[in-house]
Amino acid sequence: MKSYGEAIASLNQSIKHNPNNTEAIAHQGEAYRLGKQYEEALIYFNQAIAQNSTYAWAIAHRGEVYRLMKRYPQALADFNQSLELKPDYVWALAHRGVTYRLMGKHYYEKALADFSQAIDLNPNYAWALAYRARLYDLLRRYEEALVDFDRAIVLDQTVFDNWLSERGSLLSYCGQYAEAIDCCQLALQEDPKNHFALYNIAIFQARWQGLAEASTDIEKARALLLTLRDTQERGMVLYRLGGLAAIENQPEIALNYLREAILLDQEAIEFARHDVAWLELRNSPKFLMLIAEPD
């Protein structure tokens, strides 16, 4: 397999020999997109589309660059155009769905429609199933989320970064604490320092059997999290320290951790909206203010 640099060099040679090779130009844009060099990617996608204004693949992949740059209106325009040219373009449908999902709660139903259409066209599209599962989660449709999650895992376990712990979270939202703990125990067998799994076990045990039964697990999770405060995962580490404080009925400590976590990682907001650690704080004005989504 070619390295990133080799792929770029090879495509450059193709373009040098044939400047009108639209496909090579578009794939050069894609190589830059995969390398997270988005401005360079746009240059090549723009050139390819200028040469062929009906090139649905290039238009959709330029839309994905705009999405990654958080330029959502331009992303939608490109996805819409590519789908006008190719209505059954499953990849464009799914990635337009992600764009809608990132635009906020008022666009969730449009996102759901796109994911569902993509899955209807390709029932084995693990990536679309995974994103629809996460959207069902946001909509608090947890049973449906679990069905999609399990379908995606059967097809491709790598579609989730930490699938056993994530599945445990979904099970906990459905009140299935014993099975949720089992999932996270399996995750710990693969990686004893999996702080997501350790945190989940502590929280689920507290909800299922009470704080006294969970005390050892809470301290194990806290001890590991404290060693990770100065790592790249600091945002989620602080979030989970906050969740442990919340389950122990220490609301001010919990909210301080959550406030700091959100500044570092916006994903903490979505976790807090569903995580059973925060049940007692869900009617707290301070908590609601922290997790509020702009209209």
Protein backbone atom coordinates (compact mmCIF):
# COMPACT_ATOMS: atom_id res chain seq x y z
CA MET A 1 0.00 0.00 0.00
CA LYS A 2 1.31 3.46 -0.91
CA SER A 3 2.07 5.96 1.81
CA TYR A 4 0.25 9.29 1.87
CA GLY A 5 3.28 11.05 0.33
CA GLU A 6 3.67 8.40 -2.35
CA ALA A 7 0.00 8.64 -3.29
CA ILE A 8 0.26 12.44 -3.64
CA ALA A 9 3.43 12.15 -5.75
CA SER A 10 1.91 9.49 -8.00
CA LEU A 11 -1.21 11.57 -8.64
CA ASN A 12 0.92 14.65 -9.31
CA GLN A 13 2.79 12.71 -11.99
CA SER A 14 -0.50 11.63 -13.62
CA ILE A 15 -1.72 15.23 -13.67
CA LYS A 16 1.62 16.49 -15.02
CA HIS A 17 1.45 14.07 -17.93
CA ASN A 18 -2.21 14.84 -18.58
CA PRO A 19 -3.49 18.16 -17.13
CA ASN A 20 -6.99 17.29 -18.40
CA ASN A 21 -7.20 14.06 -16.40
CA THR A 22 -10.20 15.11 -14.35
CA GLU A 23 -10.35 11.89 -12.37
CA ALA A 24 -6.70 12.16 -11.30
CA ILE A 25 -7.24 15.78 -10.29
CA ALA A 26 -10.29 14.85 -8.19
CA HIS A 27 -8.45 11.96 -6.54
CA GLN A 28 -5.61 14.32 -5.71
CA GLY A 29 -8.20 16.41 -3.89
CA GLU A 30 -9.39 13.28 -2.09
CA ALA A 31 -5.84 12.40 -1.06
CA TYR A 32 -5.44 15.84 0.47
CA ARG A 33 -8.83 15.48 2.20
CA LEU A 34 -7.79 12.19 3.77
CA GLY A 35 -4.57 13.89 4.85
CA LYS A 36 -6.63 16.66 6.50
CA GLN A 37 -5.14 19.30 4.20
CA TYR A 38 -8.49 20.82 3.40
CA GLU A 39 -7.49 24.03 1.60
CA GLU A 40 -5.30 22.01 -0.78
CA ALA A 41 -8.14 19.53 -1.28
CA LEU A 42 -10.50 22.34 -2.30
CA ILE A 43 -8.06 23.57 -4.95
CA TYR A 44 -8.07 20.19 -6.71
CA PHE A 45 -11.78 19.51 -6.32
CA ASN A 46 -12.57 22.98 -7.69
CA GLN A 47 -10.32 22.30 -10.69
CA ALA A 48 -11.91 18.92 -11.36
CA ILE A 49 -15.45 20.33 -11.10
CA ALA A 50 -14.53 23.25 -13.37
CA GLN A 51 -13.50 20.68 -15.99
CA ASN A 52 -16.61 18.53 -15.46
CA SER A 53 -19.55 20.24 -13.80
CA THR A 54 -21.56 16.97 -13.66
CA TYR A 55 -18.89 14.95 -11.79
CA ALA A 56 -21.09 13.86 -8.88
CA TRP A 57 -18.28 12.06 -7.01
CA ALA A 58 -16.03 15.13 -6.97
CA ILE A 59 -18.90 17.44 -5.99
CA ALA A 60 -19.91 15.17 -3.08
CA HIS A 61 -16.34 14.81 -1.85
CA ARG A 62 -15.84 18.55 -2.03
CA GLY A 63 -18.98 18.77 0.11
CA GLU A 64 -17.31 16.50 2.63
CA VAL A 65 -14.31 18.85 2.74
CA TYR A 66 -16.65 21.75 3.48
CA ARG A 67 -18.32 19.64 6.21
CA LEU A 68 -14.98 18.90 7.82
CA MET A 69 -14.21 22.63 7.72
CA LYS A 70 -17.62 23.27 9.38
CA ARG A 71 -18.78 25.23 6.35
CA TYR A 72 -22.15 23.51 6.47
CA PRO A 73 -24.20 25.59 3.96
CA GLN A 74 -21.56 24.97 1.27
CA ALA A 75 -21.41 21.29 2.21
CA LEU A 76 -25.18 20.97 1.84
CA ALA A 77 -25.11 22.76 -1.51
CA ASP A 78 -22.56 20.27 -2.84
CA PHE A 79 -24.32 17.20 -1.45
CA ASN A 80 -27.62 18.43 -2.89
CA GLN A 81 -26.06 19.01 -6.30
CA SER A 82 -24.39 15.59 -6.35
CA LEU A 83 -27.71 13.95 -5.44
CA GLU A 84 -29.53 15.84 -8.18
CA LEU A 85 -27.02 14.35 -10.60
CA LYS A 86 -27.11 10.89 -8.99
CA PRO A 87 -30.19 10.39 -6.76
CA ASP A 88 -29.11 6.93 -5.52
CA TYR A 89 -25.63 8.08 -4.46
CA VAL A 90 -25.55 6.37 -1.06
CA TRP A 91 -22.28 7.93 0.14
CA ALA A 92 -23.56 11.45 -0.53
CA LEU A 93 -26.84 10.72 1.25
CA ALA A 94 -25.09 9.43 4.37
CA HIS A 95 -22.61 12.30 4.51
CA ARG A 96 -25.35 14.86 3.96
CA GLY A 97 -27.06 13.18 6.92
CA VAL A 98 -23.99 13.79 9.07
CA THR A 99 -23.98 17.43 7.98
CA TYR A 100 -27.61 17.86 9.04
CA ARG A 101 -26.89 16.09 12.33
CA LEU A 102 -24.04 18.52 13.08
CA MET A 103 -26.24 21.52 12.31
CA GLY A 104 -28.29 20.91 15.45
CA LYS A 105 -31.54 19.51 16.75
CA HIS A 106 -33.77 21.30 14.23
CA TYR A 107 -32.12 19.26 11.46
CA TYR A 108 -32.20 15.85 13.16
CA GLU A 109 -35.26 14.63 11.25
CA LYS A 110 -33.62 15.50 7.92
CA ALA A 111 -30.49 13.66 9.05
CA LEU A 112 -32.59 10.64 10.01
CA ALA A 113 -34.30 10.64 6.61
CA ASP A 114 -30.94 10.67 4.82
CA PHE A 115 -29.46 7.87 6.92
CA SER A 116 -32.60 5.76 6.49
CA GLN A 117 -32.63 6.25 2.72
CA ALA A 118 -28.93 5.35 2.51
CA ILE A 119 -29.54 2.18 4.55
CA ASP A 120 -32.56 1.27 2.42
CA LEU A 121 -30.32 1.49 -0.65
CA ASN A 122 -27.48 -0.41 1.03
CA PRO A 123 -28.60 -2.42 4.11
CA ASN A 124 -24.97 -3.42 4.82
CA TYR A 125 -23.64 0.15 5.05
CA ALA A 126 -22.08 -0.10 8.52
CA TRP A 127 -20.99 3.55 8.62
CA ALA A 128 -24.54 4.81 7.97
CA LEU A 129 -25.97 2.36 10.52
CA ALA A 130 -23.47 3.62 13.11
CA TYR A 131 -24.40 7.25 12.52
CA ARG A 132 -28.11 6.49 12.58
CA ALA A 133 -27.57 4.67 15.88
CA ARG A 134 -25.93 7.77 17.31
CA LEU A 135 -28.75 9.94 16.00
CA TYR A 136 -31.38 7.67 17.58
CA ASP A 137 -29.34 8.05 20.78
CA LEU A 138 -29.60 11.86 20.53
CA LEU A 139 -33.34 11.51 19.96
CA ARG A 140 -33.56 9.26 23.07
CA ARG A 141 -34.81 6.40 20.92
CA TYR A 142 -32.44 4.03 22.66
CA GLU A 143 -33.96 0.69 21.66
CA GLU A 144 -33.75 1.63 17.98
CA ALA A 145 -30.21 2.91 18.53
CA LEU A 146 -29.20 -0.45 19.98
CA VAL A 147 -30.64 -2.35 17.02
CA ASP A 148 -28.66 -0.23 14.54
CA PHE A 149 -25.55 -0.36 16.73
CA ASP A 150 -25.60 -4.16 16.81
CA ARG A 151 -26.20 -4.38 13.05
CA ALA A 152 -23.22 -2.10 12.45
CA ILE A 153 -20.96 -4.13 14.77
CA VAL A 154 -21.80 -7.39 13.00
CA LEU A 155 -20.71 -5.78 9.74
CA ASP A 156 -17.64 -3.89 11.00
CA GLN A 157 -16.47 -3.57 14.61
CA THR A 158 -13.99 -0.84 13.65
CA VAL A 159 -16.83 1.57 12.84
CA PHE A 160 -16.81 2.51 16.56
CA ASP A 161 -13.57 3.42 18.33
CA ASN A 162 -14.51 1.70 21.60
CA TRP A 163 -17.52 -0.36 20.70
CA LEU A 164 -17.89 -2.47 23.84
CA SER A 165 -17.90 0.55 26.15
CA GLU A 166 -20.18 2.48 23.80
CA ARG A 167 -22.60 -0.44 23.64
CA GLY A 168 -22.50 -0.55 27.44
CA SER A 169 -23.60 3.08 27.52
CA LEU A 170 -26.54 2.37 25.23
CA LEU A 171 -27.60 -0.59 27.35
CA SER A 172 -27.49 1.59 30.46
CA TYR A 173 -29.81 4.13 28.84
CA CYS A 174 -32.25 1.22 28.42
CA GLY A 175 -31.82 0.30 32.11
CA GLN A 176 -30.02 -2.97 31.28
CA TYR A 177 -27.22 -2.50 33.81
CA ALA A 178 -26.05 -6.10 34.22
CA GLU A 179 -25.55 -6.57 30.48
CA ALA A 180 -23.96 -3.11 30.23
CA ILE A 181 -21.41 -4.04 32.89
CA ASP A 182 -20.64 -7.31 31.08
CA CYS A 183 -19.84 -5.35 27.90
CA CYS A 184 -17.48 -3.04 29.74
CA GLN A 185 -15.78 -5.95 31.52
CA LEU A 186 -15.00 -7.39 28.09
CA ALA A 187 -13.54 -4.03 27.07
CA LEU A 188 -11.28 -4.12 30.15
CA GLN A 189 -10.04 -7.58 29.20
CA GLU A 190 -8.81 -6.05 25.94
CA ASP A 191 -7.37 -2.95 27.66
CA PRO A 192 -7.14 -2.80 31.49
CA LYS A 193 -6.58 0.98 31.27
CA ASN A 194 -9.73 1.69 29.28
CA HIS A 195 -11.02 4.61 31.35
CA PHE A 196 -14.32 4.74 29.45
CA ALA A 197 -15.03 1.13 30.50
CA LEU A 198 -13.88 1.65 34.10
CA TYR A 199 -16.01 4.77 34.42
CA ASN A 200 -19.05 3.01 32.96
CA ILE A 201 -18.74 0.06 35.33
CA ALA A 202 -18.59 2.39 38.34
CA ILE A 203 -21.63 4.38 37.23
CA PHE A 204 -23.70 1.35 36.20
CA GLN A 205 -22.89 -0.47 39.44
CA ALA A 206 -23.97 2.57 41.46
CA ARG A 207 -27.27 2.81 39.59
CA TRP A 208 -27.93 -0.91 39.74
CA GLN A 209 -26.81 -1.90 43.25
CA GLY A 210 -26.13 1.37 45.06
CA LEU A 211 -23.15 3.52 46.01
CA ALA A 212 -21.83 1.16 48.69
CA GLU A 213 -21.53 -1.70 46.19
CA ALA A 214 -19.93 0.62 43.63
CA SER A 215 -17.39 2.29 45.94
CA THR A 216 -14.41 0.16 44.93
CA ASP A 217 -15.17 0.60 41.21
CA ILE A 218 -15.60 4.36 41.68
CA GLU A 219 -12.19 4.67 43.34
CA LYS A 220 -10.52 2.52 40.65
CA ALA A 221 -12.00 4.69 37.92
CA ARG A 222 -11.11 7.94 39.70
CA ALA A 223 -7.51 6.81 40.35
CA LEU A 224 -6.94 6.04 36.66
CA LEU A 225 -8.66 9.23 35.47
CA LEU A 226 -6.50 11.39 37.74
CA THR A 227 -3.36 9.98 36.10
CA LEU A 228 -4.72 11.08 32.70
CA ARG A 229 -5.62 14.69 33.49
CA ASP A 230 -2.71 16.12 31.50
CA THR A 231 -3.10 13.95 28.38
CA GLN A 232 -4.74 14.70 25.03
CA GLU A 233 -7.93 13.12 26.42
CA ARG A 234 -8.18 15.75 29.15
CA GLY A 235 -11.66 16.91 28.12
CA MET A 236 -13.30 13.50 28.48
CA VAL A 237 -11.19 12.67 31.53
CA LEU A 238 -12.54 15.76 33.31
CA TYR A 239 -16.05 14.92 32.13
CA ARG A 240 -15.80 11.46 33.70
CA LEU A 241 -14.36 12.83 36.93
CA GLY A 242 -17.43 15.04 36.98
CA GLY A 243 -19.72 12.06 36.43
CA LEU A 244 -18.15 10.24 39.38
CA ALA A 245 -18.70 13.31 41.55
CA ALA A 246 -22.31 13.52 40.34
CA ILE A 247 -23.07 9.89 41.21
CA GLU A 248 -21.58 10.54 44.68
CA ASN A 249 -23.95 13.49 45.20
CA GLN A 250 -21.28 16.18 44.96
CA PRO A 251 -23.05 18.53 42.54
CA GLU A 252 -20.77 21.56 42.72
CA ILE A 253 -17.63 19.50 42.13
CA ALA A 254 -19.41 17.65 39.33
CA LEU A 255 -20.56 20.84 37.60
CA ASN A 256 -17.12 22.44 37.86
CA TYR A 257 -15.58 19.42 36.15
CA LEU A 258 -18.31 19.44 33.50
CA ARG A 259 -17.84 23.16 32.83
CA GLU A 260 -14.10 22.69 32.29
CA ALA A 261 -14.64 19.56 30.18
CA ILE A 262 -17.02 21.35 27.80
CA LEU A 263 -14.45 24.07 27.14
CA LEU A 264 -12.07 21.36 25.95
CA ASP A 265 -14.42 18.91 24.26
CA GLN A 266 -17.95 19.75 23.10
CA GLU A 267 -18.77 16.04 22.99
CA ALA A 268 -19.04 16.23 26.77
CA ILE A 269 -22.38 18.02 26.29
CA GLU A 270 -23.89 15.10 24.37
CA PHE A 271 -22.61 12.57 26.89
CA ALA A 272 -24.03 14.55 29.81
CA ARG A 273 -27.49 14.68 28.22
CA HIS A 274 -27.80 10.89 28.36
CA ASP A 275 -25.27 9.59 30.91
CA VAL A 276 -27.10 8.07 33.89
CA ALA A 277 -24.46 9.56 36.21
CA TRP A 278 -26.24 12.92 35.94
CA LEU A 279 -29.83 11.85 36.65
CA GLU A 280 -30.15 13.84 39.90
CA LEU A 281 -28.86 16.99 38.19
CA ARG A 282 -31.07 16.93 35.11
CA ASN A 283 -33.44 19.50 36.59
CA SER A 284 -30.66 21.72 37.94
CA PRO A 285 -30.64 25.15 36.26
CA LYS A 286 -26.82 25.19 36.33
CA PHE A 287 -26.65 21.79 34.63
CA LEU A 288 -29.28 22.72 32.06
CA MET A 289 -27.43 25.91 31.23
CA LEU A 290 -24.19 24.00 30.63
CA ILE A 291 -25.75 21.45 28.27
CA ALA A 292 -28.15 23.80 26.48
CA GLU A 293 -28.15 23.63 22.70
CA PRO A 294 -28.48 26.95 20.81
CA ASP A 295 -31.74 27.39 18.90
